[in-house]
Amino acid sequence: MFAMARAATTTDAFNAVAEPRRRQILDVLAGGERPVSELVEALGLAQPQVSKHLRVLREVGAVEVRDEGRRRLYRLNGEALKPIHDWVSGFERTWTERFGLLDGVLEDLERQERGAGGDDG
């Protein structure tokens, strides 16, 4: 059982991006292709740590790598993150409805405030 659960962390985009440093790597790569050295500098981590995180992100397909001479360049593969986008999008209707209700409450409070303090202005 443990082997299956552990394997899921490297084959599932949700688990891969649950780690904050991996999300930071994705944020940096969203700005374009980068070599490991730039990721190390941007994150302030040691190169072996960055490489470990990149390996996990590569295994789930969230990043791709290509060799350019002696450098390895990493880039974001947004398609691999689509399951996360699709899942979060399912909550958009709920958020929109709740924000709409909140807007209504705030408008009611403003009307009450104007009605109670109308002499001040």
Protein backbone atom coordinates (compact mmCIF):
# COMPACT_ATOMS: atom_id res chain seq x y z
CA MET A 1 0.00 0.00 0.00
CA PHE A 2 2.73 2.50 0.87
CA ALA A 3 4.45 1.99 -2.48
CA MET A 4 1.26 2.95 -4.30
CA ALA A 5 0.70 6.05 -2.17
CA ARG A 6 4.31 7.14 -2.61
CA ALA A 7 4.17 6.58 -6.37
CA ALA A 8 1.13 8.85 -6.57
CA THR A 9 3.21 11.81 -5.40
CA THR A 10 5.34 11.53 -8.50
CA THR A 11 2.59 10.71 -10.98
CA ASP A 12 -0.08 13.17 -9.89
CA ALA A 13 0.09 16.91 -10.69
CA PHE A 14 -1.91 17.77 -7.55
CA ASN A 15 0.65 16.16 -5.25
CA ALA A 16 3.58 17.51 -7.22
CA VAL A 17 2.42 21.12 -6.89
CA ALA A 18 1.42 20.71 -3.25
CA GLU A 19 5.05 21.42 -2.35
CA PRO A 20 5.62 25.21 -2.15
CA ARG A 21 9.10 25.12 -3.69
CA ARG A 22 7.76 23.30 -6.74
CA ARG A 23 5.09 25.97 -7.15
CA GLN A 24 7.88 28.57 -7.01
CA ILE A 25 9.73 26.73 -9.77
CA LEU A 26 6.57 26.73 -11.88
CA ASP A 27 6.13 30.46 -11.21
CA VAL A 28 9.67 31.16 -12.44
CA LEU A 29 9.24 28.92 -15.49
CA ALA A 30 5.98 30.67 -16.35
CA GLY A 31 8.22 33.56 -17.37
CA GLY A 32 10.05 31.38 -19.90
CA GLU A 33 12.66 28.69 -20.29
CA ARG A 34 15.44 28.68 -17.69
CA PRO A 35 18.61 26.72 -16.92
CA VAL A 36 18.98 25.12 -13.49
CA SER A 37 21.48 27.79 -12.43
CA GLU A 38 18.85 30.52 -12.83
CA LEU A 39 16.30 28.48 -10.88
CA VAL A 40 18.85 27.96 -8.10
CA GLU A 41 19.45 31.71 -7.96
CA ALA A 42 15.76 32.63 -8.12
CA LEU A 43 14.78 30.21 -5.35
CA GLY A 44 17.84 30.57 -3.14
CA LEU A 45 18.14 26.79 -2.81
CA ALA A 46 21.07 24.47 -3.34
CA GLN A 47 21.35 22.95 -6.81
CA PRO A 48 20.67 19.36 -5.62
CA GLN A 49 17.38 20.48 -4.01
CA VAL A 50 16.26 22.27 -7.17
CA SER A 51 17.20 19.24 -9.27
CA LYS A 52 15.16 16.99 -6.97
CA HIS A 53 12.09 19.20 -7.35
CA LEU A 54 12.60 19.43 -11.11
CA ARG A 55 12.73 15.63 -11.31
CA VAL A 56 9.32 15.36 -9.62
CA LEU A 57 7.86 18.05 -11.88
CA ARG A 58 9.30 16.28 -14.94
CA GLU A 59 7.83 12.96 -13.85
CA VAL A 60 4.32 14.43 -13.80
CA GLY A 61 4.96 16.26 -17.06
CA ALA A 62 4.67 19.75 -15.55
CA VAL A 63 8.11 20.71 -16.87
CA GLU A 64 10.04 19.63 -19.91
CA VAL A 65 13.79 19.73 -20.44
CA ARG A 66 15.97 20.09 -23.49
CA ASP A 67 19.71 20.06 -23.89
CA GLU A 68 21.40 23.08 -25.41
CA GLY A 69 25.10 22.41 -25.59
CA ARG A 70 26.21 21.70 -22.02
CA ARG A 71 23.14 23.34 -20.48
CA ARG A 72 19.80 21.79 -19.69
CA LEU A 73 16.92 24.20 -20.16
CA TYR A 74 13.62 23.70 -18.37
CA ARG A 75 10.25 25.00 -19.49
CA LEU A 76 6.71 24.84 -18.21
CA ASN A 77 4.26 22.39 -19.77
CA GLY A 78 0.92 23.95 -18.92
CA GLU A 79 -1.04 21.06 -20.42
CA ALA A 80 0.07 18.82 -17.54
CA LEU A 81 -1.47 21.31 -15.09
CA LYS A 82 -4.86 21.24 -16.84
CA PRO A 83 -6.38 18.73 -14.37
CA ILE A 84 -5.70 21.24 -11.57
CA HIS A 85 -7.23 24.07 -13.61
CA ASP A 86 -10.28 21.96 -14.42
CA TRP A 87 -10.79 21.01 -10.78
CA VAL A 88 -10.46 24.59 -9.52
CA SER A 89 -12.74 25.86 -12.29
CA GLY A 90 -15.50 23.72 -10.81
CA PHE A 91 -15.53 26.05 -7.82
CA GLU A 92 -15.76 29.25 -9.87
CA ARG A 93 -19.57 29.24 -9.90
CA THR A 94 -19.66 28.88 -6.12
CA TRP A 95 -17.16 31.73 -5.66
CA THR A 96 -19.06 33.96 -8.09
CA GLU A 97 -22.35 33.31 -6.28
CA ARG A 98 -20.82 33.99 -2.87
CA PHE A 99 -19.08 37.17 -4.01
CA GLY A 100 -22.42 38.27 -5.50
CA LEU A 101 -24.11 37.69 -2.14
CA LEU A 102 -21.33 39.56 -0.37
CA ASP A 103 -21.75 42.50 -2.77
CA GLY A 104 -25.45 42.56 -1.87
CA VAL A 105 -24.70 42.59 1.86
CA LEU A 106 -22.17 45.41 1.44
CA GLU A 107 -24.66 47.46 -0.60
CA ASP A 108 -27.30 46.97 2.13
CA LEU A 109 -24.81 48.10 4.79
CA GLU A 110 -23.93 51.20 2.76
CA ARG A 111 -27.61 52.08 2.34
CA GLN A 112 -28.20 51.64 6.08
CA GLU A 113 -25.17 53.77 6.87
CA ARG A 114 -26.32 56.54 4.53
CA GLY A 115 -29.81 56.39 6.01
CA ALA A 116 -28.62 56.54 9.63
CA GLY A 117 -25.97 59.21 9.10
CA GLY A 118 -27.66 61.29 6.41
CA ASP A 119 -27.42 64.51 8.48
CA ASP A 120 -23.60 64.41 8.65
CA GLY A 121 -22.88 65.33 5.03
